[in-house]
C-alpha cells in the first residue's frame, strides 16, 4: 500500500512550508477498492442510493482492514476440535467516530470489521453563505477516549475544518493514545490543514483529488455524499 508524503495544498502560503504527515492512499495501487471508488464517482451509478451506500461501506471495510495492521494484538491459546493452537486477538477495539449524516455508511464498514468497538457520533455542518468556511457542532456523543485508539471517519475531507473541530470537541472525553483519520476522497488543502492541526494523526484515504473550488468543494470529487446516500435535504 502506498504511503505518500503530504501533497502541497494549492492554497498554501508561499512563505511557509507545509508540514508532513503519514498519509496512506489505498487506491494508489490496483485493487478492488479502485472499482468501488469509480462507481461512487459515476453519476449514473449514483442514481442507485443503495449501491452508493454499499460502496461506501466496502471502502470502509477495506480501510478498516488496512488500519488493523497498525493495532496491537495479544496471543491467546485456542482449543480447536483437534488440538491447541495460538491465535492473535485484537488487544483493544478502537473507538469509531463519525460525522452525521454522510459518514454513516462509511462508519458501518468500519463497524462491520471492528464489531466490538464503541461508537461516537457528531452532528457538524458547514454554515453556507459565509465568506470563509465555518463549521457548527450541535451534538456530540462519545465514550471515554482516554488511552484508546480513535478512528475518526468522514467520507469527504474537503477543507478539513469540520474534522478538526470535531476532534477538538471530542477531547473533552479524554486523550486517545493513537489517532487515525479516514476518508474516501481528500483534497490536498484538507490534508495539509489536518497535518497542521492534528499532527499526531495518521491519515487514510482512498484517493487524493486535485483541489478545492471557490466554494470549498472537492474537484473532481463525487458530489454530496449525504444526499446521494439518503436523499436531498432542504
Protein backbone atom coordinates (compact mmCIF):
# COMPACT_ATOMS: atom_id res chain seq x y z
CA UNK A 1 0.00 0.00 0.00
CA UNK A 2 1.31 3.40 -0.94
CA UNK A 3 2.27 5.81 1.80
CA UNK A 4 2.70 9.31 0.42
CA UNK A 5 4.19 12.45 1.85
CA UNK A 6 1.58 15.11 2.26
CA UNK A 7 0.99 16.94 -1.06
CA UNK A 8 1.18 20.72 -1.01
CA UNK A 9 -2.19 22.45 -0.98
CA UNK A 10 -2.76 24.88 -3.84
CA UNK A 11 -4.00 27.44 -1.32
CA UNK A 12 -0.93 27.16 0.91
CA UNK A 13 1.11 30.23 1.72
CA UNK A 14 4.33 30.58 -0.29
CA UNK A 15 6.33 31.70 2.74
CA UNK A 16 5.52 28.73 4.96
CA UNK A 17 6.37 25.12 4.20
CA UNK A 18 3.52 22.69 4.74
CA UNK A 19 4.10 20.05 7.43
CA UNK A 20 4.49 16.41 6.53
CA UNK A 21 2.07 13.72 7.66
CA UNK A 22 1.65 9.97 7.33
CA UNK A 23 -0.87 9.60 4.52
CA UNK A 24 -1.87 6.15 3.29
CA UNK A 25 -3.53 6.24 -0.16
CA UNK A 26 -5.44 2.99 -0.64
CA UNK A 27 -6.26 3.42 -4.34
CA UNK A 28 -2.71 4.36 -5.32
CA UNK A 29 -2.24 0.67 -6.13
CA UNK A 30 -4.58 -1.53 -8.23
CA UNK A 31 -7.20 -3.33 -6.16
CA UNK A 32 -10.97 -3.81 -6.00
CA UNK A 33 -11.08 -0.57 -3.99
CA UNK A 34 -10.48 1.30 -7.25
CA UNK A 35 -13.64 -0.28 -8.70
CA UNK A 36 -15.75 0.75 -5.72
CA UNK A 37 -14.38 4.29 -5.86
CA UNK A 38 -15.08 4.58 -9.60
CA UNK A 39 -18.70 3.56 -9.02
CA UNK A 40 -19.04 6.10 -6.22
CA UNK A 41 -17.96 8.86 -8.62
CA UNK A 42 -20.10 7.77 -11.60
CA UNK A 43 -23.20 9.98 -11.79
CA UNK A 44 -25.18 7.18 -13.46
CA UNK A 45 -24.35 4.60 -10.80
CA UNK A 46 -25.09 7.24 -8.15
CA UNK A 47 -28.78 7.05 -9.07
CA UNK A 48 -28.88 3.81 -7.07
CA UNK A 49 -28.57 5.07 -3.48
CA UNK A 50 -28.41 1.53 -2.09
CA UNK A 51 -25.38 0.78 -4.26
CA UNK A 52 -23.81 4.12 -3.30
CA UNK A 53 -24.16 3.32 0.42
CA UNK A 54 -22.84 -0.20 -0.10
CA UNK A 55 -19.76 1.08 -1.91
CA UNK A 56 -19.06 3.47 0.96
CA UNK A 57 -19.35 0.51 3.33
CA UNK A 58 -16.98 -1.58 1.20
CA UNK A 59 -14.34 1.12 1.20
CA UNK A 60 -14.80 1.48 4.95
CA UNK A 61 -14.17 -2.25 5.32
CA UNK A 62 -11.04 -2.09 3.17
CA UNK A 63 -9.57 0.86 5.05
CA UNK A 64 -10.51 -0.72 8.39
CA UNK A 65 -8.55 -3.82 7.39
CA UNK A 66 -5.52 -1.69 6.45
CA UNK A 67 -5.65 0.20 9.74
CA UNK A 68 -5.95 -3.08 11.66
CA UNK A 69 -2.36 -3.95 10.69
CA UNK A 70 -1.22 -0.97 12.81
CA UNK A 71 -3.04 -2.00 16.01
CA UNK A 72 -1.88 -4.13 18.95
CA UNK A 73 -2.59 -7.84 19.37
CA UNK A 74 -2.17 -10.39 22.16
CA UNK A 75 -1.50 -14.11 21.83
CA UNK A 76 -4.12 -16.50 23.11
CA UNK A 77 -4.19 -20.28 23.31
CA UNK A 78 -7.15 -21.54 21.28
CA UNK A 79 -8.64 -25.00 21.59
CA UNK A 80 -9.82 -26.29 18.21
CA UNK A 81 -11.83 -29.56 17.87
CA UNK A 82 -8.49 -31.24 17.03
CA UNK A 83 -5.76 -29.59 19.10
CA UNK A 84 -4.48 -26.45 20.79
CA UNK A 85 -3.06 -23.60 18.74
CA UNK A 86 -2.14 -19.96 19.27
CA UNK A 87 -4.18 -17.11 17.84
CA UNK A 88 -3.76 -13.36 17.87
CA UNK A 89 -6.62 -11.28 19.29
CA UNK A 90 -7.05 -7.54 18.96
CA UNK A 91 -5.84 -6.09 22.25
CA UNK A 92 -8.21 -3.14 22.36
CA UNK A 93 -11.02 -2.42 19.90
CA UNK A 94 -10.83 1.19 18.68
CA UNK A 95 -13.46 3.84 19.24
CA UNK A 96 -15.15 4.62 15.91
CA UNK A 97 -16.32 8.21 15.47
CA UNK A 98 -18.19 9.73 12.56
CA UNK A 99 -19.85 12.95 11.47
CA UNK A 100 -23.60 12.72 10.80
CA UNK A 101 -25.19 12.07 8.34
CA UNK A 102 -22.89 11.43 5.38
CA UNK A 103 -20.50 9.38 7.48
CA UNK A 104 -22.99 6.67 8.47
CA UNK A 105 -22.48 4.17 5.60
CA UNK A 106 -18.69 4.62 5.71
CA UNK A 107 -18.79 4.18 9.50
CA UNK A 108 -20.79 0.97 9.09
CA UNK A 109 -17.99 -0.50 7.01
CA UNK A 110 -15.57 0.04 9.89
CA UNK A 111 -18.10 -1.34 12.37
CA UNK A 112 -18.51 -4.49 10.24
CA UNK A 113 -14.85 -5.29 10.95
CA UNK A 114 -14.37 -3.72 14.39
CA UNK A 115 -17.60 -5.28 15.59
CA UNK A 116 -16.88 -4.85 19.30
CA UNK A 117 -16.00 -1.18 19.00
CA UNK A 118 -17.93 1.57 20.78
CA UNK A 119 -19.07 4.43 18.57
CA UNK A 120 -19.08 8.20 18.84
CA UNK A 121 -21.32 10.47 16.76
CA UNK A 122 -21.06 14.15 15.98
CA UNK A 123 -23.57 16.46 14.28
CA UNK A 124 -21.44 19.04 12.48
CA UNK A 125 -22.32 21.04 9.41
CA UNK A 126 -20.92 23.79 7.27
CA UNK A 127 -22.58 27.21 7.55
CA UNK A 128 -23.40 28.24 3.99
CA UNK A 129 -23.22 31.78 2.70
CA UNK A 130 -20.16 32.84 4.70
CA UNK A 131 -17.02 34.27 3.16
CA UNK A 132 -14.86 31.60 4.80
CA UNK A 133 -15.69 28.02 5.67
CA UNK A 134 -17.34 27.92 9.11
CA UNK A 135 -18.47 24.78 10.91
CA UNK A 136 -21.13 24.38 13.59
CA UNK A 137 -21.07 21.42 16.01
CA UNK A 138 -24.53 20.82 17.50
CA UNK A 139 -24.37 17.33 19.04
CA UNK A 140 -21.64 15.04 20.34
CA UNK A 141 -21.91 11.65 22.00
CA UNK A 142 -18.81 9.59 22.82
CA UNK A 143 -17.41 7.02 25.27
CA UNK A 144 -14.20 7.68 27.20
CA UNK A 145 -11.29 8.24 24.85
CA UNK A 146 -8.53 8.13 27.46
CA UNK A 147 -5.68 5.92 26.21
CA UNK A 148 -7.92 4.49 23.48
CA UNK A 149 -7.32 4.14 19.76
CA UNK A 150 -9.61 6.60 17.97
CA UNK A 151 -10.62 6.20 14.33
CA UNK A 152 -12.44 9.29 13.04
CA UNK A 153 -14.18 8.66 9.73
CA UNK A 154 -15.80 11.03 7.25
CA UNK A 155 -16.19 10.19 3.54
CA UNK A 156 -15.24 13.62 2.19
CA UNK A 157 -12.23 15.53 3.50
CA UNK A 158 -12.60 18.97 1.90
CA UNK A 159 -11.26 21.89 3.94
CA UNK A 160 -10.71 19.66 6.99
CA UNK A 161 -12.28 22.22 9.33
CA UNK A 162 -15.22 20.05 10.39
CA UNK A 163 -12.93 17.14 11.27
CA UNK A 164 -10.55 19.35 13.24
CA UNK A 165 -13.41 20.99 15.14
CA UNK A 166 -14.98 17.57 15.75
CA UNK A 167 -11.71 16.15 17.08
CA UNK A 168 -11.13 19.08 19.40
CA UNK A 169 -14.67 18.82 20.76
CA UNK A 170 -14.15 15.11 21.42
CA UNK A 171 -11.06 15.70 23.54
CA UNK A 172 -13.26 16.59 26.49
CA UNK A 173 -13.94 12.84 26.67
CA UNK A 174 -10.22 12.11 27.12
CA UNK A 175 -6.95 11.96 25.21
CA UNK A 176 -6.54 9.00 22.85
CA UNK A 177 -3.17 7.26 22.65
CA UNK A 178 -3.47 6.79 18.89
CA UNK A 179 -5.49 8.68 16.27
CA UNK A 180 -6.42 7.59 12.76
CA UNK A 181 -8.48 9.72 10.37
CA UNK A 182 -10.09 8.02 7.38
CA UNK A 183 -11.78 9.48 4.31
CA UNK A 184 -12.79 8.23 0.89
CA UNK A 185 -11.75 11.34 -1.03
CA UNK A 186 -9.48 14.11 0.25
CA UNK A 187 -8.26 17.41 -1.08
CA UNK A 188 -4.59 18.43 -0.78
CA UNK A 189 -5.74 21.51 1.14
CA UNK A 190 -7.67 19.42 3.66
CA UNK A 191 -4.77 17.03 4.21
CA UNK A 192 -2.38 19.93 4.77
CA UNK A 193 -4.78 21.51 7.27
CA UNK A 194 -5.14 18.24 9.23
CA UNK A 195 -1.38 17.76 9.30
CA UNK A 196 -1.02 21.22 10.80
CA UNK A 197 -3.83 20.97 13.32
CA UNK A 198 -3.72 17.25 14.28
CA UNK A 199 -0.09 16.23 13.71
CA UNK A 200 -0.48 13.13 15.88
CA UNK A 201 -2.98 11.58 13.45
CA UNK A 202 -2.27 9.01 10.74
CA UNK A 203 -4.38 9.73 7.64
CA UNK A 204 -6.03 7.10 5.46
CA UNK A 205 -7.75 7.97 2.17
CA UNK A 206 -8.91 6.08 -0.89
CA UNK A 207 -7.84 8.93 -3.19
CA UNK A 208 -6.41 12.45 -3.14
CA UNK A 209 -8.17 14.71 -5.64
CA UNK A 210 -6.93 17.79 -7.49
CA UNK A 211 -8.13 20.74 -5.43
CA UNK A 212 -10.94 22.63 -3.73
CA UNK A 213 -13.03 25.04 -5.78
CA UNK A 214 -14.06 28.53 -4.66
CA UNK A 215 -16.95 27.07 -2.62
CA UNK A 216 -14.58 24.62 -0.87
CA UNK A 217 -15.96 21.55 -2.68
CA UNK A 218 -13.58 18.81 -3.82
CA UNK A 219 -12.79 18.67 -7.55
CA UNK A 220 -13.44 16.21 -9.22
CA UNK A 221 -14.98 14.71 -6.07
CA UNK A 222 -18.27 12.88 -6.28
CA UNK A 223 -20.95 15.33 -5.14
CA UNK A 224 -22.79 15.42 -1.81
CA UNK A 225 -22.24 12.06 -0.12
CA UNK A 226 -25.09 12.65 2.35
CA UNK A 227 -27.63 13.47 -0.34
CA UNK A 228 -26.50 10.57 -2.52
CA UNK A 229 -26.83 8.18 0.42
CA UNK A 230 -30.08 9.40 1.97
CA UNK A 231 -31.80 11.81 -0.41
CA UNK A 232 -31.73 15.57 -0.90
CA UNK A 233 -32.24 17.84 2.09
CA UNK A 234 -33.94 21.24 2.25
